[in-house]
PDB file of N, CA and C in Angstrom:
ATOM      1  N   MET A   1     118.988 116.181 106.623  1.00  0.00           N
ATOM      2  CA  MET A   1     119.255 115.020 105.563  1.00  0.00           C
ATOM      3  C   MET A   1     118.517 114.440 105.236  1.00  0.00           C
ATOM      4  N   GLN A   2     119.276 114.367 103.211  1.00  0.00           N
ATOM      5  CA  GLN A   2     117.970 113.970 102.579  1.00  0.00           C
ATOM      6  C   GLN A   2     117.737 112.358 102.454  1.00  0.00           C
ATOM      7  N   ASN A   3     116.854 112.023 102.102  1.00  0.00           N
ATOM      8  CA  ASN A   3     115.871 110.997 101.475  1.00  0.00           C
ATOM      9  C   ASN A   3     116.908 110.575 100.240  1.00  0.00           C
ATOM     10  N   LYS A   4     117.061 109.181 100.307  1.00  0.00           N
ATOM     11  CA  LYS A   4     117.088 108.907  98.800  1.00  0.00           C
ATOM     12  C   LYS A   4     115.609 108.639  98.434  1.00  0.00           C
ATOM     13  N   LYS A   5     115.664 108.765  96.543  1.00  0.00           N
ATOM     14  CA  LYS A   5     114.771 108.322  96.382  1.00  0.00           C
ATOM     15  C   LYS A   5     114.553 106.867  95.882  1.00  0.00           C
ATOM     16  N   THR A   6     113.348 106.322  96.271  1.00  0.00           N
ATOM     17  CA  THR A   6     113.445 104.672  96.527  1.00  0.00           C
ATOM     18  C   THR A   6     112.876 103.647  95.292  1.00  0.00           C
ATOM     19  N   GLY A   7     112.710 104.740  93.940  1.00  0.00           N
ATOM     20  CA  GLY A   7     112.525 104.209  93.323  1.00  0.00           C
ATOM     21  C   GLY A   7     111.036 103.709  93.296  1.00  0.00           C
ATOM     22  N   GLY A   8     109.885 103.973  92.541  1.00  0.00           N
ATOM     23  CA  GLY A   8     108.747 103.817  91.907  1.00  0.00           C
ATOM     24  C   GLY A   8     108.877 102.782  91.416  1.00  0.00           C
ATOM     25  N   LYS A   9     107.538 102.644  91.375  1.00  0.00           N
ATOM     26  CA  LYS A   9     106.859 101.213  90.530  1.00  0.00           C
ATOM     27  C   LYS A   9     106.179 101.695  89.688  1.00  0.00           C
ATOM     28  N   LYS A  10     105.646 101.574  88.654  1.00  0.00           N
ATOM     29  CA  LYS A  10     104.710 101.422  87.493  1.00  0.00           C
ATOM     30  C   LYS A  10     103.101 101.176  87.476  1.00  0.00           C
ATOM     31  N   LEU A  11     102.200 102.159  87.916  1.00  0.00           N
ATOM     32  CA  LEU A  11     100.524 101.603  87.867  1.00  0.00           C
ATOM     33  C   LEU A  11     100.100 101.099  86.621  1.00  0.00           C
ATOM     34  N   GLU A  12      99.140 100.466  86.754  1.00  0.00           N
ATOM     35  CA  GLU A  12      98.558  99.992  85.555  1.00  0.00           C
ATOM     36  C   GLU A  12      97.268 100.906  85.807  1.00  0.00           C
ATOM     37  N   LEU A  13      96.556 101.327  84.914  1.00  0.00           N
ATOM     38  CA  LEU A  13      94.941 102.244  85.250  1.00  0.00           C
ATOM     39  C   LEU A  13      94.260 101.138  85.415  1.00  0.00           C
ATOM     40  N   MET A  14      93.427 101.414  86.091  1.00  0.00           N
ATOM     41  CA  MET A  14      92.058 100.463  87.017  1.00  0.00           C
ATOM     42  C   MET A  14      90.992 101.349  86.515  1.00  0.00           C
ATOM     43  N   ASN A  15      90.002 100.684  85.809  1.00  0.00           N
ATOM     44  CA  ASN A  15      88.399 101.410  86.203  1.00  0.00           C
ATOM     45  C   ASN A  15      88.099 102.271  85.197  1.00  0.00           C
ATOM     46  N   LEU A  16      89.277 102.504  84.290  1.00  0.00           N
ATOM     47  CA  LEU A  16      88.903 103.606  83.621  1.00  0.00           C
ATOM     48  C   LEU A  16      89.047 103.566  82.110  1.00  0.00           C
ATOM     49  N   ALA A  17      88.613 104.175  81.468  1.00  0.00           N
ATOM     50  CA  ALA A  17      89.464 103.593  79.934  1.00  0.00           C
ATOM     51  C   ALA A  17      90.995 104.096  79.232  1.00  0.00           C
ATOM     52  N   SER A  18      90.953 105.827  79.621  1.00  0.00           N
ATOM     53  CA  SER A  18      91.931 106.580  80.091  1.00  0.00           C
ATOM     54  C   SER A  18      91.531 107.509  80.670  1.00  0.00           C
ATOM     55  N   LEU A  19      92.726 108.139  80.767  1.00  0.00           N
ATOM     56  CA  LEU A  19      92.716 109.901  81.658  1.00  0.00           C
ATOM     57  C   LEU A  19      92.038 110.738  81.464  1.00  0.00           C
ATOM     58  N   ASP A  20      91.024 110.480  79.841  1.00  0.00           N
ATOM     59  CA  ASP A  20      90.280 111.344  79.226  1.00  0.00           C
ATOM     60  C   ASP A  20      88.787 110.791  80.304  1.00  0.00           C
ATOM     61  N   ASP A  21      88.846 110.145  80.582  1.00  0.00           N
ATOM     62  CA  ASP A  21      87.642 110.267  81.595  1.00  0.00           C
ATOM     63  C   ASP A  21      87.536 110.615  82.745  1.00  0.00           C
ATOM     64  N   LEU A  22      88.701 111.230  83.013  1.00  0.00           N
ATOM     65  CA  LEU A  22      88.167 112.363  84.483  1.00  0.00           C
ATOM     66  C   LEU A  22      87.915 113.710  83.679  1.00  0.00           C
ATOM     67  N   LYS A  23      87.977 114.489  84.951  1.00  0.00           N
ATOM     68  CA  LYS A  23      87.331 115.531  84.728  1.00  0.00           C
ATOM     69  C   LYS A  23      88.359 116.667  85.017  1.00  0.00           C
ATOM     70  N   PHE A  24      89.536 117.335  84.033  1.00  0.00           N
ATOM     71  CA  PHE A  24      89.976 118.311  84.405  1.00  0.00           C
ATOM     72  C   PHE A  24      89.195 119.639  84.410  1.00  0.00           C
ATOM     73  N   GLY A  25      89.619 120.451  85.115  1.00  0.00           N
ATOM     74  CA  GLY A  25      88.758 121.746  85.001  1.00  0.00           C
ATOM     75  C   GLY A  25      89.205 122.330  83.842  1.00  0.00           C
ATOM     76  N   SER A  26      88.544 123.940  83.606  1.00  0.00           N
ATOM     77  CA  SER A  26      88.960 124.149  82.650  1.00  0.00           C
ATOM     78  C   SER A  26      91.024 124.843  82.108  1.00  0.00           C
ATOM     79  N   ASP A  27      91.237 124.590  83.233  1.00  0.00           N
ATOM     80  CA  ASP A  27      92.694 125.490  83.483  1.00  0.00           C
ATOM     81  C   ASP A  27      93.479 123.520  82.847  1.00  0.00           C
ATOM     82  N   GLY A  28      92.817 122.710  82.907  1.00  0.00           N
ATOM     83  CA  GLY A  28      93.763 121.417  82.786  1.00  0.00           C
ATOM     84  C   GLY A  28      94.168 121.076  84.084  1.00  0.00           C
ATOM     85  N   LEU A  29      93.953 121.262  85.127  1.00  0.00           N
ATOM     86  CA  LEU A  29      94.250 120.896  86.208  1.00  0.00           C
ATOM     87  C   LEU A  29      93.211 119.858  86.967  1.00  0.00           C
ATOM     88  N   ILE A  30      93.739 119.012  88.196  1.00  0.00           N
ATOM     89  CA  ILE A  30      92.394 118.120  88.830  1.00  0.00           C
ATOM     90  C   ILE A  30      93.349 118.318  90.008  1.00  0.00           C
ATOM     91  N   PRO A  31      92.305 118.226  91.531  1.00  0.00           N
ATOM     92  CA  PRO A  31      92.870 118.700  92.473  1.00  0.00           C
ATOM     93  C   PRO A  31      93.575 117.437  92.883  1.00  0.00           C
ATOM     94  N   VAL A  32      94.177 116.744  93.928  1.00  0.00           N
ATOM     95  CA  VAL A  32      95.188 115.766  94.496  1.00  0.00           C
ATOM     96  C   VAL A  32      94.930 115.853  95.958  1.00  0.00           C
ATOM     97  N   VAL A  33      94.611 115.198  96.621  1.00  0.00           N
ATOM     98  CA  VAL A  33      94.920 114.848  98.348  1.00  0.00           C
ATOM     99  C   VAL A  33      95.439 113.570  98.071  1.00  0.00           C
ATOM    100  N   ILE A  34      96.897 114.209  98.883  1.00  0.00           N
ATOM    101  CA  ILE A  34      97.968 113.080  99.500  1.00  0.00           C
ATOM    102  C   ILE A  34      97.406 112.627 100.875  1.00  0.00           C
ATOM    103  N   GLN A  35      97.483 111.381 100.736  1.00  0.00           N
ATOM    104  CA  GLN A  35      96.903 110.711 102.033  1.00  0.00           C
ATOM    105  C   GLN A  35      98.434 109.154 102.378  1.00  0.00           C
ATOM    106  N   ASP A  36      98.900 109.392 103.542  1.00  0.00           N
ATOM    107  CA  ASP A  36      99.902 108.629 104.192  1.00  0.00           C
ATOM    108  C   ASP A  36      99.244 107.183 103.702  1.00  0.00           C
ATOM    109  N   ALA A  37     100.071 106.067 103.237  1.00  0.00           N
ATOM    110  CA  ALA A  37      99.436 105.165 102.597  1.00  0.00           C
ATOM    111  C   ALA A  37      99.290 104.268 103.941  1.00  0.00           C
ATOM    112  N   ALA A  38     100.239 104.018 105.012  1.00  0.00           N
ATOM    113  CA  ALA A  38     100.257 103.370 106.124  1.00  0.00           C
ATOM    114  C   ALA A  38      99.090 103.793 107.159  1.00  0.00           C
ATOM    115  N   ASN A  39      99.534 105.184 107.627  1.00  0.00           N
ATOM    116  CA  ASN A  39      98.366 105.573 108.700  1.00  0.00           C
ATOM    117  C   ASN A  39      97.220 106.085 108.329  1.00  0.00           C
ATOM    118  N   LYS A  40      96.705 106.911 107.029  1.00  0.00           N
ATOM    119  CA  LYS A  40      95.936 107.327 106.209  1.00  0.00           C
ATOM    120  C   LYS A  40      96.126 109.104 106.810  1.00  0.00           C
ATOM    121  N   ASP A  41      96.933 109.929 107.393  1.00  0.00           N
ATOM    122  CA  ASP A  41      97.264 110.846 107.755  1.00  0.00           C
ATOM    123  C   ASP A  41      96.872 111.875 106.185  1.00  0.00           C
ATOM    124  N   VAL A  42      96.530 112.765 106.350  1.00  0.00           N
ATOM    125  CA  VAL A  42      96.210 113.747 104.622  1.00  0.00           C
ATOM    126  C   VAL A  42      97.768 114.239 105.177  1.00  0.00           C
ATOM    127  N   LEU A  43      98.427 114.246 103.957  1.00  0.00           N
ATOM    128  CA  LEU A  43      99.637 114.995 103.913  1.00  0.00           C
ATOM    129  C   LEU A  43     100.109 116.418 102.933  1.00  0.00           C
ATOM    130  N   MET A  44      99.148 116.285 102.255  1.00  0.00           N
ATOM    131  CA  MET A  44      99.038 117.507 101.092  1.00  0.00           C
ATOM    132  C   MET A  44      98.684 117.629 100.215  1.00  0.00           C
ATOM    133  N   VAL A  45      97.791 119.227  99.714  1.00  0.00           N
ATOM    134  CA  VAL A  45      96.780 118.881  98.521  1.00  0.00           C
ATOM    135  C   VAL A  45      97.936 119.421  97.424  1.00  0.00           C
ATOM    136  N   ALA A  46      97.592 119.152  96.253  1.00  0.00           N
ATOM    137  CA  ALA A  46      98.274 119.986  95.050  1.00  0.00           C
ATOM    138  C   ALA A  46      97.392 119.396  93.980  1.00  0.00           C
ATOM    139  N   TYR A  47      98.176 119.712  92.695  1.00  0.00           N
ATOM    140  CA  TYR A  47      97.462 119.286  91.190  1.00  0.00           C
ATOM    141  C   TYR A  47      98.041 119.231  90.602  1.00  0.00           C
ATOM    142  N   MET A  48      97.317 118.309  89.506  1.00  0.00           N
ATOM    143  CA  MET A  48      98.326 117.933  88.625  1.00  0.00           C
ATOM    144  C   MET A  48      96.874 118.315  87.259  1.00  0.00           C
ATOM    145  N   ASN A  49      98.383 117.640  85.497  1.00  0.00           N
ATOM    146  CA  ASN A  49      97.190 117.987  84.578  1.00  0.00           C
ATOM    147  C   ASN A  49      97.578 116.614  83.941  1.00  0.00           C
ATOM    148  N   ARG A  50      96.909 116.481  82.933  1.00  0.00           N
ATOM    149  CA  ARG A  50      97.448 114.744  82.583  1.00  0.00           C
ATOM    150  C   ARG A  50      99.087 114.649  82.070  1.00  0.00           C
ATOM    151  N   GLU A  51      99.836 115.809  81.772  1.00  0.00           N
ATOM    152  CA  GLU A  51     101.113 115.469  81.897  1.00  0.00           C
ATOM    153  C   GLU A  51     101.783 114.662  83.040  1.00  0.00           C
ATOM    154  N   SER A  52     101.587 115.013  84.026  1.00  0.00           N
ATOM    155  CA  SER A  52     102.300 115.157  85.386  1.00  0.00           C
ATOM    156  C   SER A  52     101.331 113.714  86.064  1.00  0.00           C
ATOM    157  N   LEU A  53     100.237 113.569  85.818  1.00  0.00           N
ATOM    158  CA  LEU A  53      99.211 111.858  85.695  1.00  0.00           C
ATOM    159  C   LEU A  53      99.800 111.133  85.597  1.00  0.00           C
ATOM    160  N   GLN A  54     100.115 111.172  84.110  1.00  0.00           N
ATOM    161  CA  GLN A  54     100.874 110.043  83.567  1.00  0.00           C
ATOM    162  C   GLN A  54     102.168 109.636  84.129  1.00  0.00           C
ATOM    163  N   LYS A  55     103.108 110.741  83.884  1.00  0.00           N
ATOM    164  CA  LYS A  55     104.277 110.898  84.417  1.00  0.00           C
ATOM    165  C   LYS A  55     104.040 109.648  86.178  1.00  0.00           C
ATOM    166  N   THR A  56     103.624 110.358  86.613  1.00  0.00           N
ATOM    167  CA  THR A  56     102.932 109.815  87.952  1.00  0.00           C
ATOM    168  C   THR A  56     102.787 108.394  87.794  1.00  0.00           C
ATOM    169  N   LEU A  57     101.669 107.660  86.743  1.00  0.00           N
ATOM    170  CA  LEU A  57     101.566 106.668  86.378  1.00  0.00           C
ATOM    171  C   LEU A  57     102.880 105.562  85.785  1.00  0.00           C
ATOM    172  N   ASP A  58     103.221 106.376  85.183  1.00  0.00           N
ATOM    173  CA  ASP A  58     104.736 105.707  84.230  1.00  0.00           C
ATOM    174  C   ASP A  58     105.673 105.459  85.237  1.00  0.00           C
ATOM    175  N   SER A  59     106.411 106.298  86.279  1.00  0.00           N
ATOM    176  CA  SER A  59     107.211 106.124  87.176  1.00  0.00           C
ATOM    177  C   SER A  59     106.837 105.689  89.049  1.00  0.00           C
ATOM    178  N   GLY A  60     105.630 105.882  89.076  1.00  0.00           N
ATOM    179  CA  GLY A  60     105.222 105.573  90.560  1.00  0.00           C
ATOM    180  C   GLY A  60     105.825 106.543  91.546  1.00  0.00           C
ATOM    181  N   LEU A  61     106.449 107.686  91.091  1.00  0.00           N
ATOM    182  CA  LEU A  61     106.544 108.768  91.882  1.00  0.00           C
ATOM    183  C   LEU A  61     106.176 109.862  91.820  1.00  0.00           C
ATOM    184  N   ALA A  62     105.460 110.695  92.575  1.00  0.00           N
ATOM    185  CA  ALA A  62     104.428 111.582  92.922  1.00  0.00           C
ATOM    186  C   ALA A  62     105.277 112.645  91.506  1.00  0.00           C
ATOM    187  N   THR A  63     104.214 113.343  90.370  1.00  0.00           N
ATOM    188  CA  THR A  63     104.700 114.405  90.033  1.00  0.00           C
ATOM    189  C   THR A  63     103.126 115.208  89.864  1.00  0.00           C
ATOM    190  N   TYR A  64     103.625 116.512  90.278  1.00  0.00           N
ATOM    191  CA  TYR A  64     102.761 117.534  90.409  1.00  0.00           C
ATOM    192  C   TYR A  64     102.806 118.793  89.135  1.00  0.00           C
ATOM    193  N   TRP A  65     101.696 119.355  89.059  1.00  0.00           N
ATOM    194  CA  TRP A  65     101.846 120.867  88.695  1.00  0.00           C
ATOM    195  C   TRP A  65     101.840 122.102  89.131  1.00  0.00           C
ATOM    196  N   SER A  66     102.928 122.725  89.355  1.00  0.00           N
ATOM    197  CA  SER A  66     102.768 123.679  90.229  1.00  0.00           C
ATOM    198  C   SER A  66     102.630 124.665  89.513  1.00  0.00           C
ATOM    199  N   ARG A  67     101.136 124.976  90.065  1.00  0.00           N
ATOM    200  CA  ARG A  67     100.494 126.322  89.432  1.00  0.00           C
ATOM    201  C   ARG A  67     101.541 128.035  89.554  1.00  0.00           C
ATOM    202  N   SER A  68     102.382 127.960  90.244  1.00  0.00           N
ATOM    203  CA  SER A  68     103.048 129.202  90.412  1.00  0.00           C
ATOM    204  C   SER A  68     103.826 129.330  89.980  1.00  0.00           C
ATOM    205  N   ARG A  69     104.782 128.409  89.387  1.00  0.00           N
ATOM    206  CA  ARG A  69     105.664 128.136  88.449  1.00  0.00           C
ATOM    207  C   ARG A  69     105.594 127.429  87.185  1.00  0.00           C
ATOM    208  N   LYS A  70     104.633 127.612  86.769  1.00  0.00           N
ATOM    209  CA  LYS A  70     103.529 126.851  85.910  1.00  0.00           C
ATOM    210  C   LYS A  70     105.011 125.841  85.332  1.00  0.00           C
ATOM    211  N   THR A  71     105.284 125.039  85.558  1.00  0.00           N
ATOM    212  CA  THR A  71     105.759 123.997  85.342  1.00  0.00           C
ATOM    213  C   THR A  71     105.829 122.763  86.404  1.00  0.00           C
ATOM    214  N   LEU A  72     106.053 121.715  85.504  1.00  0.00           N
ATOM    215  CA  LEU A  72     106.115 119.885  86.191  1.00  0.00           C
ATOM    216  C   LEU A  72     107.007 120.338  87.049  1.00  0.00           C
ATOM    217  N   TRP A  73     106.612 119.455  88.571  1.00  0.00           N
ATOM    218  CA  TRP A  73     107.588 118.921  89.222  1.00  0.00           C
ATOM    219  C   TRP A  73     107.627 117.818  90.309  1.00  0.00           C
ATOM    220  N   LEU A  74     108.472 116.778  90.548  1.00  0.00           N
ATOM    221  CA  LEU A  74     108.560 115.922  90.544  1.00  0.00           C
ATOM    222  C   LEU A  74     109.094 115.904  92.857  1.00  0.00           C
ATOM    223  N   LYS A  75     108.146 115.347  93.359  1.00  0.00           N
ATOM    224  CA  LYS A  75     108.235 115.588  94.551  1.00  0.00           C
ATOM    225  C   LYS A  75     109.249 114.596  95.272  1.00  0.00           C
ATOM    226  N   GLY A  76     109.984 115.964  95.369  1.00  0.00           N
ATOM    227  CA  GLY A  76     111.421 114.976  96.622  1.00  0.00           C
ATOM    228  C   GLY A  76     112.291 115.685  95.655  1.00  0.00           C
ATOM    229  N   GLU A  77     112.160 115.996  94.498  1.00  0.00           N
ATOM    230  CA  GLU A  77     113.198 116.334  93.372  1.00  0.00           C
ATOM    231  C   GLU A  77     114.753 117.293  93.874  1.00  0.00           C
ATOM    232  N   THR A  78     113.875 118.011  94.534  1.00  0.00           N
ATOM    233  CA  THR A  78     115.175 118.810  95.364  1.00  0.00           C
ATOM    234  C   THR A  78     114.940 118.836  96.974  1.00  0.00           C
ATOM    235  N   SER A  79     114.173 118.292  97.429  1.00  0.00           N
ATOM    236  CA  SER A  79     114.526 117.944  98.505  1.00  0.00           C
ATOM    237  C   SER A  79     114.719 116.999  99.498  1.00  0.00           C
ATOM    238  N   GLY A  80     114.696 115.602  98.327  1.00  0.00           N
ATOM    239  CA  GLY A  80     114.832 114.220  98.856  1.00  0.00           C
ATOM    240  C   GLY A  80     113.675 113.208  99.474  1.00  0.00           C
ATOM    241  N   HIS A  81     112.818 114.213  99.670  1.00  0.00           N
ATOM    242  CA  HIS A  81     111.132 113.714 100.245  1.00  0.00           C
ATOM    243  C   HIS A  81     110.229 113.776  99.156  1.00  0.00           C
ATOM    244  N   PHE A  82     110.775 112.627  98.355  1.00  0.00           N
ATOM    245  CA  PHE A  82     110.083 111.912  97.451  1.00  0.00           C
ATOM    246  C   PHE A  82     108.913 110.765  97.975  1.00  0.00           C
ATOM    247  N   GLN A  83     107.625 111.039  96.688  1.00  0.00           N
ATOM    248  CA  GLN A  83     106.396 110.009  97.333  1.00  0.00           C
ATOM    249  C   GLN A  83     106.268 108.776  96.798  1.00  0.00           C
ATOM    250  N   ASN A  84     106.299 107.592  96.993  1.00  0.00           N
ATOM    251  CA  ASN A  84     105.947 106.515  96.509  1.00  0.00           C
ATOM    252  C   ASN A  84     104.842 106.521  95.690  1.00  0.00           C
ATOM    253  N   VAL A  85     104.100 106.435  94.948  1.00  0.00           N
ATOM    254  CA  VAL A  85     102.470 105.876  95.276  1.00  0.00           C
ATOM    255  C   VAL A  85     102.457 104.523  95.207  1.00  0.00           C
ATOM    256  N   LYS A  86     101.489 104.499  95.730  1.00  0.00           N
ATOM    257  CA  LYS A  86     100.648 103.074  96.112  1.00  0.00           C
ATOM    258  C   LYS A  86      99.910 102.792  95.742  1.00  0.00           C
ATOM    259  N   THR A  87      98.543 103.740  95.678  1.00  0.00           N
ATOM    260  CA  THR A  87      97.291 103.509  94.849  1.00  0.00           C
ATOM    261  C   THR A  87      96.822 105.219  94.706  1.00  0.00           C
ATOM    262  N   ILE A  88      95.896 105.275  93.626  1.00  0.00           N
ATOM    263  CA  ILE A  88      95.041 106.539  93.264  1.00  0.00           C
ATOM    264  C   ILE A  88      94.028 106.077  93.168  1.00  0.00           C
ATOM    265  N   TYR A  89      93.249 107.111  93.677  1.00  0.00           N
ATOM    266  CA  TYR A  89      91.810 107.051  93.661  1.00  0.00           C
ATOM    267  C   TYR A  89      90.914 107.971  92.739  1.00  0.00           C
ATOM    268  N   TYR A  90      89.744 107.750  92.254  1.00  0.00           N
ATOM    269  CA  TYR A  90      89.304 109.074  91.875  1.00  0.00           C
ATOM    270  C   TYR A  90      88.092 109.541  92.272  1.00  0.00           C
ATOM    271  N   ASP A  91      87.407 110.350  92.879  1.00  0.00           N
ATOM    272  CA  ASP A  91      85.704 110.440  93.285  1.00  0.00           C
ATOM    273  C   ASP A  91      85.025 110.101  92.404  1.00  0.00           C
ATOM    274  N   CYS A  92      83.602 109.825  93.108  1.00  0.00           N
ATOM    275  CA  CYS A  92      82.233 110.080  92.353  1.00  0.00           C
ATOM    276  C   CYS A  92      82.104 110.584  91.044  1.00  0.00           C
ATOM    277  N   ASP A  93      82.635 111.759  91.552  1.00  0.00           N
ATOM    278  CA  ASP A  93      82.178 112.873  89.836  1.00  0.00           C
ATOM    279  C   ASP A  93      83.451 113.011  89.064  1.00  0.00           C
ATOM    280  N   LYS A  94      84.606 112.057  89.442  1.00  0.00           N
ATOM    281  CA  LYS A  94      85.495 111.608  88.515  1.00  0.00           C
ATOM    282  C   LYS A  94      86.528 113.306  88.504  1.00  0.00           C
ATOM    283  N   ASP A  95      86.677 114.307  89.236  1.00  0.00           N
ATOM    284  CA  ASP A  95      86.783 115.499  89.426  1.00  0.00           C
ATOM    285  C   ASP A  95      88.425 116.148  90.493  1.00  0.00           C
ATOM    286  N   THR A  96      88.328 114.593  91.343  1.00  0.00           N
ATOM    287  CA  THR A  96      89.333 114.690  92.465  1.00  0.00           C
ATOM    288  C   THR A  96      89.755 113.866  92.077  1.00  0.00           C
ATOM    289  N   LEU A  97      91.173 113.567  92.638  1.00  0.00           N
ATOM    290  CA  LEU A  97      91.885 112.362  93.136  1.00  0.00           C
ATOM    291  C   LEU A  97      92.148 112.188  94.791  1.00  0.00           C
ATOM    292  N   LEU A  98      92.571 110.982  95.139  1.00  0.00           N
ATOM    293  CA  LEU A  98      93.237 110.677  96.227  1.00  0.00           C
ATOM    294  C   LEU A  98      94.168 109.658  96.082  1.00  0.00           C
ATOM    295  N   ILE A  99      95.016 110.383  96.450  1.00  0.00           N
ATOM    296  CA  ILE A  99      96.888 109.606  95.926  1.00  0.00           C
ATOM    297  C   ILE A  99      97.288 108.730  97.672  1.00  0.00           C
ATOM    298  N   GLN A 100      97.451 107.408  97.206  1.00  0.00           N
ATOM    299  CA  GLN A 100      97.971 107.082  99.067  1.00  0.00           C
ATOM    300  C   GLN A 100      99.347 107.170  98.566  1.00  0.00           C
ATOM    301  N   VAL A 101     100.653 107.602  99.033  1.00  0.00           N
ATOM    302  CA  VAL A 101     101.671 107.332  99.253  1.00  0.00           C
ATOM    303  C   VAL A 101     102.756 106.997 100.460  1.00  0.00           C
ATOM    304  N   GLU A 102     103.782 106.556 100.036  1.00  0.00           N
ATOM    305  CA  GLU A 102     104.820 106.476 101.014  1.00  0.00           C
ATOM    306  C   GLU A 102     105.579 107.641 101.224  1.00  0.00           C
ATOM    307  N   GLN A 103     105.341 107.822 102.232  1.00  0.00           N
ATOM    308  CA  GLN A 103     106.231 109.678 102.170  1.00  0.00           C
ATOM    309  C   GLN A 103     107.718 109.315 102.647  1.00  0.00           C
ATOM    310  N   ALA A 104     108.713 109.454 101.649  1.00  0.00           N
ATOM    311  CA  ALA A 104     109.785 109.595 102.322  1.00  0.00           C
ATOM    312  C   ALA A 104     110.521 110.905 103.053  1.00  0.00           C
ATOM    313  N   GLY A 105     110.638 111.135 104.394  1.00  0.00           N
ATOM    314  CA  GLY A 105     110.689 112.532 105.076  1.00  0.00           C
ATOM    315  C   GLY A 105     109.431 113.013 105.338  1.00  0.00           C
ATOM    316  N   VAL A 106     109.579 114.378 105.389  1.00  0.00           N
ATOM    317  CA  VAL A 106     108.510 115.256 105.251  1.00  0.00           C
ATOM    318  C   VAL A 106     107.886 115.638 103.951  1.00  0.00           C
ATOM    319  N   ALA A 107     106.835 115.965 103.865  1.00  0.00           N
ATOM    320  CA  ALA A 107     105.625 116.484 102.860  1.00  0.00           C
ATOM    321  C   ALA A 107     105.846 117.480 102.786  1.00  0.00           C
ATOM    322  N   CYS A 108     105.802 118.101 103.579  1.00  0.00           N
ATOM    323  CA  CYS A 108     105.368 119.802 103.792  1.00  0.00           C
ATOM    324  C   CYS A 108     106.921 120.563 103.405  1.00  0.00           C
ATOM    325  N   HIS A 109     106.844 121.895 102.441  1.00  0.00           N
ATOM    326  CA  HIS A 109     108.545 122.812 102.527  1.00  0.00           C
ATOM    327  C   HIS A 109     108.470 123.021 103.492  1.00  0.00           C
ATOM    328  N   THR A 110     107.392 123.347 105.033  1.00  0.00           N
ATOM    329  CA  THR A 110     107.831 123.959 106.091  1.00  0.00           C
ATOM    330  C   THR A 110     108.961 122.790 106.999  1.00  0.00           C
ATOM    331  N   GLY A 111     108.732 121.674 106.822  1.00  0.00           N
ATOM    332  CA  GLY A 111     109.410 121.024 107.010  1.00  0.00           C
ATOM    333  C   GLY A 111     108.945 120.233 107.669  1.00  0.00           C
ATOM    334  N   GLU A 112     107.086 120.264 108.362  1.00  0.00           N
ATOM    335  CA  GLU A 112     106.316 119.273 109.034  1.00  0.00           C
ATOM    336  C   GLU A 112     106.079 118.121 108.145  1.00  0.00           C
ATOM    337  N   ARG A 113     105.742 117.434 108.946  1.00  0.00           N
ATOM    338  CA  ARG A 113     105.326 115.843 108.207  1.00  0.00           C
ATOM    339  C   ARG A 113     104.471 116.343 107.549  1.00  0.00           C
ATOM    340  N   SER A 114     102.813 117.007 107.688  1.00  0.00           N
ATOM    341  CA  SER A 114     102.110 117.091 106.644  1.00  0.00           C
ATOM    342  C   SER A 114     101.447 118.699 106.768  1.00  0.00           C
ATOM    343  N   CYS A 115     101.323 118.955 105.892  1.00  0.00           N
ATOM    344  CA  CYS A 115     101.160 120.463 105.785  1.00  0.00           C
ATOM    345  C   CYS A 115      99.797 120.852 106.552  1.00  0.00           C
ATOM    346  N   PHE A 116      99.245 119.974 107.084  1.00  0.00           N
ATOM    347  CA  PHE A 116      97.933 120.369 108.116  1.00  0.00           C
ATOM    348  C   PHE A 116      98.381 120.308 109.335  1.00  0.00           C
ATOM    349  N   PHE A 117      98.862 121.482 109.779  1.00  0.00           N
ATOM    350  CA  PHE A 117      99.665 121.173 110.834  1.00  0.00           C
ATOM    351  C   PHE A 117      99.056 121.988 111.873  1.00  0.00           C
ATOM    352  N   THR A 118      98.160 123.077 111.456  1.00  0.00           N
ATOM    353  CA  THR A 118      97.790 124.207 112.146  1.00  0.00           C
ATOM    354  C   THR A 118      96.331 124.441 112.401  1.00  0.00           C
ATOM    355  N   ARG A 119      95.543 123.935 113.420  1.00  0.00           N
ATOM    356  CA  ARG A 119      94.281 123.782 113.891  1.00  0.00           C
ATOM    357  C   ARG A 119      93.994 125.362 113.651  1.00  0.00           C
ATOM    358  N   MET A 120      92.525 125.143 112.859  1.00  0.00           N
ATOM    359  CA  MET A 120      91.650 126.526 113.264  1.00  0.00           C
ATOM    360  C   MET A 120      90.450 126.894 114.026  1.00  0.00           C
ATOM    361  N   ALA A 121      89.919 125.847 114.195  1.00  0.00           N
ATOM    362  CA  ALA A 121      88.876 125.592 115.199  1.00  0.00           C
ATOM    363  C   ALA A 121      88.605 124.903 115.772  1.00  0.00           C
TER     364      ALA A 121
END
């Protein structure tokens, strides 16, 4: 059963003059940790470029850069499992983002709620 896109809310940039203040890698990407805004579970890790981050800010819906397909992807576009962004933080080095979301459905493409469901140690 697919979930409906609940509509995001435009997010205002805070504590940065522009996205250029962030440290994107030489590949133009910045790693992003996705966390459930309500219970703080880590749901997944993804990558963004400037365009996907700007689309996320503009729409309030998480949009990432697919390294394998080399294209933007709106999370939930095919599965219906959209991520409504509540807050975005950057780390002390400005080279990693933490995005807190309201997750519709599951975050992992395997059908698990989180991509981190296999314990290693």
